[in-house]
Amino acid sequence: MSMQKSKTEIELMKKSSDILVNALIRIKEAVKPGVTTLELDKIAENYIRKCGAIPSFLGYKAPFRGAVDYPGSICASVNEEVVHGIPGLRVLKDGDIISVDIGVYFNGFHSDAARTFPVGTVTTEVQHLIDVTKQSFYEGIKNAVVGKRIRDISAAIQDYVESNGYSVVRDYVGHGIGTEMHEEPQIPNYRFKGANPRIVPGMALAIEPMVNAGDYNVKLLENKWTVVTLDNSLSAHYENTIIVTDEEPMVITETP
């Protein structure tokens, strides 16, 4: 599979991304104390389907034997949950944070983005974690330019996160995206060994720093989907789908 997308394919991905952006806006407006993660899931699913699209995550094949295929339209990860939190009856409380990851499939192409939202009023320290996670993405994409390599993105994210006293998750990484939700190349948020593709125009990349307030180690819960920090520290997540161009990278899932 080519890692480069044609102009036509990029335009189709932009349409998918527009739906995703508007779903995220609706989620952000709905996040408040007293709301359940399942309510957020239904807001996203209803909007995505209203647009004639499909939630990319719903029914996603289980990664481990004994797990069900993914039952939600979004991933809703609260506080120490890093990724893949399953929407349910959990009620959000003032001071919580929630990482919402959404994928949209439309006209044959996927888009993917995640945000961490504060619930009600959070402390300055918690907001700083959210802000650093977001900025680490933008530090990374400064290197998502023609001629550099994937490791340059990864190193920039790691350096920024660690300079702020946090850690980047090692077990889960970003990825290419297009007709499949997960395509090559993998994009770790830390320096890595091994294959290190050169960045070329037309690459569609889902870059997604996952940042822990404490140690980077994580564990998988019994549902075989939800990942939490091993030390129970808070975790934040920020992701966008970008397109590599001959000039600056184009962020096609950026929200207001």
C-alpha atoms as a PDB file:
ATOM      1  CA  MET A   1       0.000   0.000   0.000  1.00  0.00           C
ATOM      2  CA  SER A   2       1.377   3.390  -0.988  1.00  0.00           C
ATOM      3  CA  MET A   3       1.872   5.801   1.883  1.00  0.00           C
ATOM      4  CA  GLN A   4       1.173   8.702  -0.497  1.00  0.00           C
ATOM      5  CA  LYS A   5      -2.343   9.933  -1.252  1.00  0.00           C
ATOM      6  CA  SER A   6      -3.471  11.501  -4.521  1.00  0.00           C
ATOM      7  CA  LYS A   7      -5.134  14.916  -4.659  1.00  0.00           C
ATOM      8  CA  THR A   8      -8.510  13.220  -5.107  1.00  0.00           C
ATOM      9  CA  GLU A   9      -7.933  10.967  -2.093  1.00  0.00           C
ATOM     10  CA  ILE A  10      -6.872  13.945   0.024  1.00  0.00           C
ATOM     11  CA  GLU A  11     -10.066  15.797  -0.872  1.00  0.00           C
ATOM     12  CA  LEU A  12     -12.108  12.773   0.205  1.00  0.00           C
ATOM     13  CA  MET A  13     -10.199  12.630   3.488  1.00  0.00           C
ATOM     14  CA  LYS A  14     -10.949  16.317   4.049  1.00  0.00           C
ATOM     15  CA  LYS A  15     -14.675  15.595   3.747  1.00  0.00           C
ATOM     16  CA  SER A  16     -14.397  12.830   6.314  1.00  0.00           C
ATOM     17  CA  SER A  17     -12.413  15.190   8.551  1.00  0.00           C
ATOM     18  CA  ASP A  18     -15.030  17.944   8.321  1.00  0.00           C
ATOM     19  CA  ILE A  19     -17.610  15.559   9.774  1.00  0.00           C
ATOM     20  CA  LEU A  20     -15.196  14.533  12.521  1.00  0.00           C
ATOM     21  CA  VAL A  21     -14.439  18.156  13.450  1.00  0.00           C
ATOM     22  CA  ASN A  22     -18.114  18.965  13.848  1.00  0.00           C
ATOM     23  CA  ALA A  23     -18.636  15.837  15.938  1.00  0.00           C
ATOM     24  CA  LEU A  24     -15.792  16.917  18.236  1.00  0.00           C
ATOM     25  CA  ILE A  25     -17.299  20.387  18.576  1.00  0.00           C
ATOM     26  CA  ARG A  26     -20.579  18.817  19.705  1.00  0.00           C
ATOM     27  CA  ILE A  27     -18.753  16.596  22.173  1.00  0.00           C
ATOM     28  CA  LYS A  28     -16.866  19.549  23.646  1.00  0.00           C
ATOM     29  CA  GLU A  29     -20.116  21.447  24.165  1.00  0.00           C
ATOM     30  CA  ALA A  30     -21.649  18.435  25.935  1.00  0.00           C
ATOM     31  CA  VAL A  31     -18.768  17.651  28.318  1.00  0.00           C
ATOM     32  CA  LYS A  32     -19.822  18.756  31.802  1.00  0.00           C
ATOM     33  CA  PRO A  33     -20.403  17.276  35.252  1.00  0.00           C
ATOM     34  CA  GLY A  34     -23.336  14.845  35.339  1.00  0.00           C
ATOM     35  CA  VAL A  35     -22.989  13.632  31.753  1.00  0.00           C
ATOM     36  CA  THR A  36     -22.232   9.958  31.104  1.00  0.00           C
ATOM     37  CA  THR A  37     -19.635   8.785  28.627  1.00  0.00           C
ATOM     38  CA  LEU A  38     -22.402   6.850  26.851  1.00  0.00           C
ATOM     39  CA  GLU A  39     -24.311  10.084  26.273  1.00  0.00           C
ATOM     40  CA  LEU A  40     -21.226  11.547  24.610  1.00  0.00           C
ATOM     41  CA  ASP A  41     -20.935   8.423  22.488  1.00  0.00           C
ATOM     42  CA  LYS A  42     -24.513   8.782  21.244  1.00  0.00           C
ATOM     43  CA  ILE A  43     -24.027  12.460  20.418  1.00  0.00           C
ATOM     44  CA  ALA A  44     -21.081  11.543  18.204  1.00  0.00           C
ATOM     45  CA  GLU A  45     -22.710   8.517  16.589  1.00  0.00           C
ATOM     46  CA  ASN A  46     -25.970  10.320  15.828  1.00  0.00           C
ATOM     47  CA  TYR A  47     -24.177  13.232  14.200  1.00  0.00           C
ATOM     48  CA  ILE A  48     -21.801  11.051  12.177  1.00  0.00           C
ATOM     49  CA  ARG A  49     -24.650   8.909  10.850  1.00  0.00           C
ATOM     50  CA  LYS A  50     -26.767  11.991  10.110  1.00  0.00           C
ATOM     51  CA  CYS A  51     -23.951  13.072   7.786  1.00  0.00           C
ATOM     52  CA  GLY A  52     -24.092   9.747   5.941  1.00  0.00           C
ATOM     53  CA  ALA A  53     -20.829   8.562   7.470  1.00  0.00           C
ATOM     54  CA  ILE A  54     -19.892   5.645   9.749  1.00  0.00           C
ATOM     55  CA  PRO A  55     -18.084   5.715  13.111  1.00  0.00           C
ATOM     56  CA  SER A  56     -14.730   4.099  12.328  1.00  0.00           C
ATOM     57  CA  PHE A  57     -14.309   2.546  15.757  1.00  0.00           C
ATOM     58  CA  LEU A  58     -17.702   0.869  16.141  1.00  0.00           C
ATOM     59  CA  GLY A  59     -17.196  -2.879  15.710  1.00  0.00           C
ATOM     60  CA  TYR A  60     -13.419  -2.525  15.301  1.00  0.00           C
ATOM     61  CA  LYS A  61     -11.858  -5.964  15.512  1.00  0.00           C
ATOM     62  CA  ALA A  62     -10.776  -6.959  18.999  1.00  0.00           C
ATOM     63  CA  PRO A  63      -6.974  -7.003  19.404  1.00  0.00           C
ATOM     64  CA  PHE A  64      -6.903  -9.820  21.963  1.00  0.00           C
ATOM     65  CA  ARG A  65      -8.568 -13.217  22.201  1.00  0.00           C
ATOM     66  CA  GLY A  66     -11.640 -13.143  24.402  1.00  0.00           C
ATOM     67  CA  ALA A  67     -12.393  -9.451  23.877  1.00  0.00           C
ATOM     68  CA  VAL A  68     -15.520  -8.236  22.100  1.00  0.00           C
ATOM     69  CA  ASP A  69     -15.195  -6.103  18.994  1.00  0.00           C
ATOM     70  CA  TYR A  70     -15.164  -2.450  20.026  1.00  0.00           C
ATOM     71  CA  PRO A  71     -18.691  -1.534  21.195  1.00  0.00           C
ATOM     72  CA  GLY A  72     -18.521   2.275  21.034  1.00  0.00           C
ATOM     73  CA  SER A  73     -18.443   4.997  18.408  1.00  0.00           C
ATOM     74  CA  ILE A  74     -15.866   6.959  20.401  1.00  0.00           C
ATOM     75  CA  CYS A  75     -13.174   6.116  22.901  1.00  0.00           C
ATOM     76  CA  ALA A  76     -13.931   7.910  26.169  1.00  0.00           C
ATOM     77  CA  SER A  77     -10.968   7.699  28.554  1.00  0.00           C
ATOM     78  CA  VAL A  78     -11.345   9.379  31.941  1.00  0.00           C
ATOM     79  CA  ASN A  79      -8.529  10.537  34.242  1.00  0.00           C
ATOM     80  CA  GLU A  80      -5.984   7.678  34.529  1.00  0.00           C
ATOM     81  CA  GLU A  81      -7.398   5.969  31.428  1.00  0.00           C
ATOM     82  CA  VAL A  82      -4.953   6.537  28.585  1.00  0.00           C
ATOM     83  CA  VAL A  83      -6.824   5.244  25.531  1.00  0.00           C
ATOM     84  CA  HIS A  84      -9.697   2.989  24.450  1.00  0.00           C
ATOM     85  CA  GLY A  85     -12.030   3.761  27.333  1.00  0.00           C
ATOM     86  CA  ILE A  86     -15.376   2.134  26.487  1.00  0.00           C
ATOM     87  CA  PRO A  87     -18.382   4.490  26.744  1.00  0.00           C
ATOM     88  CA  GLY A  88     -20.845   3.477  29.421  1.00  0.00           C
ATOM     89  CA  LEU A  89     -22.727   4.667  32.486  1.00  0.00           C
ATOM     90  CA  ARG A  90     -19.752   6.406  34.107  1.00  0.00           C
ATOM     91  CA  VAL A  91     -20.837   9.894  35.176  1.00  0.00           C
ATOM     92  CA  LEU A  92     -18.347  12.708  34.689  1.00  0.00           C
ATOM     93  CA  LYS A  93     -17.521  14.723  37.814  1.00  0.00           C
ATOM     94  CA  ASP A  94     -16.225  18.236  38.312  1.00  0.00           C
ATOM     95  CA  GLY A  95     -12.433  18.147  38.114  1.00  0.00           C
ATOM     96  CA  ASP A  96     -12.246  15.080  35.864  1.00  0.00           C
ATOM     97  CA  ILE A  97     -10.586  15.066  32.481  1.00  0.00           C
ATOM     98  CA  ILE A  98     -11.815  13.009  29.547  1.00  0.00           C
ATOM     99  CA  SER A  99      -9.925  12.059  26.413  1.00  0.00           C
ATOM    100  CA  VAL A 100     -12.279  11.579  23.477  1.00  0.00           C
ATOM    101  CA  ASP A 101     -10.956   9.796  20.385  1.00  0.00           C
ATOM    102  CA  ILE A 102     -13.131   9.755  17.254  1.00  0.00           C
ATOM    103  CA  GLY A 103     -12.762   8.149  13.833  1.00  0.00           C
ATOM    104  CA  VAL A 104     -15.024   8.820  10.847  1.00  0.00           C
ATOM    105  CA  TYR A 105     -15.348   6.714   7.684  1.00  0.00           C
ATOM    106  CA  PHE A 106     -16.850   8.554   4.717  1.00  0.00           C
ATOM    107  CA  ASN A 107     -16.672   7.891   0.977  1.00  0.00           C
ATOM    108  CA  GLY A 108     -14.051   5.205   1.465  1.00  0.00           C
ATOM    109  CA  PHE A 109     -11.664   7.154   3.707  1.00  0.00           C
ATOM    110  CA  HIS A 110     -11.025   7.484   7.420  1.00  0.00           C
ATOM    111  CA  SER A 111     -10.118  10.457   9.584  1.00  0.00           C
ATOM    112  CA  ASP A 112      -8.977  10.288  13.196  1.00  0.00           C
ATOM    113  CA  ALA A 113      -8.580  12.827  16.018  1.00  0.00           C
ATOM    114  CA  ALA A 114      -8.572  13.027  19.807  1.00  0.00           C
ATOM    115  CA  ARG A 115      -8.881  15.743  22.438  1.00  0.00           C
ATOM    116  CA  THR A 116      -8.640  15.847  26.214  1.00  0.00           C
ATOM    117  CA  PHE A 117     -11.342  18.039  27.754  1.00  0.00           C
ATOM    118  CA  PRO A 118     -11.539  19.360  31.314  1.00  0.00           C
ATOM    119  CA  VAL A 119     -14.810  18.596  33.084  1.00  0.00           C
ATOM    120  CA  GLY A 120     -16.021  21.673  34.951  1.00  0.00           C
ATOM    121  CA  THR A 121     -13.146  23.278  36.844  1.00  0.00           C
ATOM    122  CA  VAL A 122      -9.733  21.603  36.938  1.00  0.00           C
ATOM    123  CA  THR A 123      -6.561  22.630  38.735  1.00  0.00           C
ATOM    124  CA  THR A 124      -3.807  24.638  37.083  1.00  0.00           C
ATOM    125  CA  GLU A 125      -1.596  21.548  37.155  1.00  0.00           C
ATOM    126  CA  VAL A 126      -4.181  19.430  35.344  1.00  0.00           C
ATOM    127  CA  GLN A 127      -4.751  22.101  32.709  1.00  0.00           C
ATOM    128  CA  HIS A 128      -1.000  22.274  32.185  1.00  0.00           C
ATOM    129  CA  LEU A 129      -0.922  18.553  31.378  1.00  0.00           C
ATOM    130  CA  ILE A 130      -3.661  19.054  28.774  1.00  0.00           C
ATOM    131  CA  ASP A 131      -1.881  22.079  27.287  1.00  0.00           C
ATOM    132  CA  VAL A 132       1.522  20.378  27.098  1.00  0.00           C
ATOM    133  CA  THR A 133      -0.007  17.345  25.406  1.00  0.00           C
ATOM    134  CA  LYS A 134      -1.627  19.542  22.764  1.00  0.00           C
ATOM    135  CA  GLN A 135       1.516  21.591  22.188  1.00  0.00           C
ATOM    136  CA  SER A 136       3.641  18.449  21.879  1.00  0.00           C
ATOM    137  CA  PHE A 137       1.618  17.563  18.782  1.00  0.00           C
ATOM    138  CA  TYR A 138       2.439  20.943  17.237  1.00  0.00           C
ATOM    139  CA  GLU A 139       6.104  20.584  18.180  1.00  0.00           C
ATOM    140  CA  GLY A 140       6.082  17.221  16.421  1.00  0.00           C
ATOM    141  CA  ILE A 141       4.509  18.403  13.177  1.00  0.00           C
ATOM    142  CA  LYS A 142       7.159  21.081  12.775  1.00  0.00           C
ATOM    143  CA  ASN A 143       9.137  18.078  11.515  1.00  0.00           C
ATOM    144  CA  ALA A 144       6.359  16.625   9.336  1.00  0.00           C
ATOM    145  CA  VAL A 145       7.977  18.155   6.282  1.00  0.00           C
ATOM    146  CA  VAL A 146       9.435  16.758   3.099  1.00  0.00           C
ATOM    147  CA  GLY A 147      12.952  15.392   3.518  1.00  0.00           C
ATOM    148  CA  LYS A 148      12.793  14.691   7.229  1.00  0.00           C
ATOM    149  CA  ARG A 149      12.010  11.304   8.746  1.00  0.00           C
ATOM    150  CA  ILE A 150       9.364   9.906  11.053  1.00  0.00           C
ATOM    151  CA  ARG A 151      11.830   9.740  13.932  1.00  0.00           C
ATOM    152  CA  ASP A 152      12.236  13.531  13.732  1.00  0.00           C
ATOM    153  CA  ILE A 153       8.528  13.915  14.592  1.00  0.00           C
ATOM    154  CA  SER A 154       8.849  11.385  17.409  1.00  0.00           C
ATOM    155  CA  ALA A 155      11.930  12.987  18.953  1.00  0.00           C
ATOM    156  CA  ALA A 156      10.398  16.468  18.961  1.00  0.00           C
ATOM    157  CA  ILE A 157       7.316  15.201  20.795  1.00  0.00           C
ATOM    158  CA  GLN A 158       9.361  13.324  23.382  1.00  0.00           C
ATOM    159  CA  ASP A 159      11.726  16.216  24.023  1.00  0.00           C
ATOM    160  CA  TYR A 160       8.917  18.707  24.561  1.00  0.00           C
ATOM    161  CA  VAL A 161       6.923  16.425  26.842  1.00  0.00           C
ATOM    162  CA  GLU A 162       9.890  15.431  28.977  1.00  0.00           C
ATOM    163  CA  SER A 163      11.122  19.033  29.219  1.00  0.00           C
ATOM    164  CA  ASN A 164       7.826  19.717  31.005  1.00  0.00           C
ATOM    165  CA  GLY A 165       8.283  16.868  33.462  1.00  0.00           C
ATOM    166  CA  TYR A 166       5.847  14.392  31.899  1.00  0.00           C
ATOM    167  CA  SER A 167       6.309  11.085  30.075  1.00  0.00           C
ATOM    168  CA  VAL A 168       5.164   9.742  26.712  1.00  0.00           C
ATOM    169  CA  VAL A 169       3.420   6.376  26.471  1.00  0.00           C
ATOM    170  CA  ARG A 170       5.536   3.739  24.702  1.00  0.00           C
ATOM    171  CA  ASP A 171       2.980   0.995  24.111  1.00  0.00           C
ATOM    172  CA  TYR A 172       0.680   2.872  21.698  1.00  0.00           C
ATOM    173  CA  VAL A 173       1.658   5.015  18.741  1.00  0.00           C
ATOM    174  CA  GLY A 174       0.375   7.114  15.866  1.00  0.00           C
ATOM    175  CA  HIS A 175      -0.062   5.755  12.367  1.00  0.00           C
ATOM    176  CA  GLY A 176      -0.707   6.345   8.722  1.00  0.00           C
ATOM    177  CA  ILE A 177      -4.353   6.604   7.702  1.00  0.00           C
ATOM    178  CA  GLY A 178      -6.482   6.445   4.562  1.00  0.00           C
ATOM    179  CA  THR A 179      -8.713   3.692   3.221  1.00  0.00           C
ATOM    180  CA  GLU A 180      -7.755   1.811   6.406  1.00  0.00           C
ATOM    181  CA  MET A 181      -7.858   3.296   9.872  1.00  0.00           C
ATOM    182  CA  HIS A 182      -4.340   2.077  10.635  1.00  0.00           C
ATOM    183  CA  GLU A 183      -1.796   2.152   7.819  1.00  0.00           C
ATOM    184  CA  GLU A 184       1.963   2.421   7.652  1.00  0.00           C
ATOM    185  CA  PRO A 185       4.033   4.083   8.918  1.00  0.00           C
ATOM    186  CA  GLN A 186       3.817   3.727  12.663  1.00  0.00           C
ATOM    187  CA  ILE A 187       4.600   7.002  14.429  1.00  0.00           C
ATOM    188  CA  PRO A 188       5.892   6.581  17.998  1.00  0.00           C
ATOM    189  CA  ASN A 189       5.948   9.603  20.299  1.00  0.00           C
ATOM    190  CA  TYR A 190       9.492   8.790  21.392  1.00  0.00           C
ATOM    191  CA  ARG A 191      12.849   8.007  19.788  1.00  0.00           C
ATOM    192  CA  PHE A 192      12.758   4.507  18.367  1.00  0.00           C
ATOM    193  CA  LYS A 193      15.003   2.042  16.583  1.00  0.00           C
ATOM    194  CA  GLY A 194      14.274   0.312  13.308  1.00  0.00           C
ATOM    195  CA  ALA A 195      12.576   1.398  10.095  1.00  0.00           C
ATOM    196  CA  ASN A 196      12.503   5.172   9.828  1.00  0.00           C
ATOM    197  CA  PRO A 197      10.673   6.227   6.637  1.00  0.00           C
ATOM    198  CA  ARG A 198      11.492   9.467   4.899  1.00  0.00           C
ATOM    199  CA  ILE A 199       8.620  11.966   4.845  1.00  0.00           C
ATOM    200  CA  VAL A 200       7.206  12.631   1.371  1.00  0.00           C
ATOM    201  CA  PRO A 201       4.342  14.742  -0.023  1.00  0.00           C
ATOM    202  CA  GLY A 202       0.910  13.144   0.148  1.00  0.00           C
ATOM    203  CA  MET A 203       1.500  11.196   3.347  1.00  0.00           C
ATOM    204  CA  ALA A 204      -1.613  11.099   5.549  1.00  0.00           C
ATOM    205  CA  LEU A 205      -0.600  10.716   9.190  1.00  0.00           C
ATOM    206  CA  ALA A 206      -2.502  10.444  12.462  1.00  0.00           C
ATOM    207  CA  ILE A 207      -0.084  11.856  15.020  1.00  0.00           C
ATOM    208  CA  GLU A 208      -1.225  11.355  18.602  1.00  0.00           C
ATOM    209  CA  PRO A 209       0.841  12.099  21.699  1.00  0.00           C
ATOM    210  CA  MET A 210      -0.390  10.228  24.784  1.00  0.00           C
ATOM    211  CA  VAL A 211       1.156  11.900  27.813  1.00  0.00           C
ATOM    212  CA  ASN A 212       1.192  10.723  31.420  1.00  0.00           C
ATOM    213  CA  ALA A 213       1.645  12.992  34.406  1.00  0.00           C
ATOM    214  CA  GLY A 214       3.675  10.215  36.041  1.00  0.00           C
ATOM    215  CA  ASP A 215       5.549   7.235  34.649  1.00  0.00           C
ATOM    216  CA  TYR A 216       5.031   6.101  31.039  1.00  0.00           C
ATOM    217  CA  ASN A 217       4.154   2.501  31.923  1.00  0.00           C
ATOM    218  CA  VAL A 218       0.578   1.363  31.322  1.00  0.00           C
ATOM    219  CA  LYS A 219      -1.579  -1.733  31.770  1.00  0.00           C
ATOM    220  CA  LEU A 220      -4.585  -3.239  30.024  1.00  0.00           C
ATOM    221  CA  LEU A 221      -7.811  -3.671  31.983  1.00  0.00           C
ATOM    222  CA  GLU A 222      -9.829  -6.888  32.069  1.00  0.00           C
ATOM    223  CA  ASN A 223     -12.102  -5.706  29.249  1.00  0.00           C
ATOM    224  CA  LYS A 224      -8.993  -6.040  27.029  1.00  0.00           C
ATOM    225  CA  TRP A 225      -9.539  -2.589  25.525  1.00  0.00           C
ATOM    226  CA  THR A 226      -9.060   0.123  28.122  1.00  0.00           C
ATOM    227  CA  VAL A 227      -5.478   1.135  28.863  1.00  0.00           C
ATOM    228  CA  VAL A 228      -4.640   2.897  32.156  1.00  0.00           C
ATOM    229  CA  THR A 229      -1.515   4.346  33.707  1.00  0.00           C
ATOM    230  CA  LEU A 230       0.291   1.832  35.879  1.00  0.00           C
ATOM    231  CA  ASP A 231       0.879   4.394  38.654  1.00  0.00           C
ATOM    232  CA  ASN A 232      -2.701   5.753  38.480  1.00  0.00           C
ATOM    233  CA  SER A 233      -1.479   9.171  37.320  1.00  0.00           C
ATOM    234  CA  LEU A 234      -3.549  11.294  34.957  1.00  0.00           C
ATOM    235  CA  SER A 235      -3.121  10.917  31.205  1.00  0.00           C
ATOM    236  CA  ALA A 236      -3.957  13.228  28.296  1.00  0.00           C
ATOM    237  CA  HIS A 237      -4.291  12.584  24.556  1.00  0.00           C
ATOM    238  CA  TYR A 238      -4.170  14.894  21.541  1.00  0.00           C
ATOM    239  CA  GLU A 239      -4.422  13.715  17.952  1.00  0.00           C
ATOM    240  CA  ASN A 240      -4.972  15.105  14.482  1.00  0.00           C
ATOM    241  CA  THR A 241      -4.930  13.753  10.964  1.00  0.00           C
ATOM    242  CA  ILE A 242      -2.435  15.682   8.860  1.00  0.00           C
ATOM    243  CA  ILE A 243      -1.404  15.710   5.216  1.00  0.00           C
ATOM    244  CA  VAL A 244       2.228  16.262   4.262  1.00  0.00           C
ATOM    245  CA  THR A 245       2.533  18.884   1.520  1.00  0.00           C
ATOM    246  CA  ASP A 246       5.411  20.504  -0.335  1.00  0.00           C
ATOM    247  CA  GLU A 247       5.194  23.303   2.217  1.00  0.00           C
ATOM    248  CA  GLU A 248       3.747  23.228   5.757  1.00  0.00           C
ATOM    249  CA  PRO A 249       1.789  20.169   6.966  1.00  0.00           C
ATOM    250  CA  MET A 250      -1.965  20.512   6.566  1.00  0.00           C
ATOM    251  CA  VAL A 251      -3.957  19.678   9.716  1.00  0.00           C
ATOM    252  CA  ILE A 252      -7.329  18.515   8.370  1.00  0.00           C
ATOM    253  CA  THR A 253      -8.982  17.754  11.732  1.00  0.00           C
ATOM    254  CA  GLU A 254      -8.097  20.999  13.513  1.00  0.00           C
ATOM    255  CA  THR A 255     -10.890  22.344  15.715  1.00  0.00           C
ATOM    256  CA  PRO A 256     -11.647  25.954  16.711  1.00  0.00           C
END
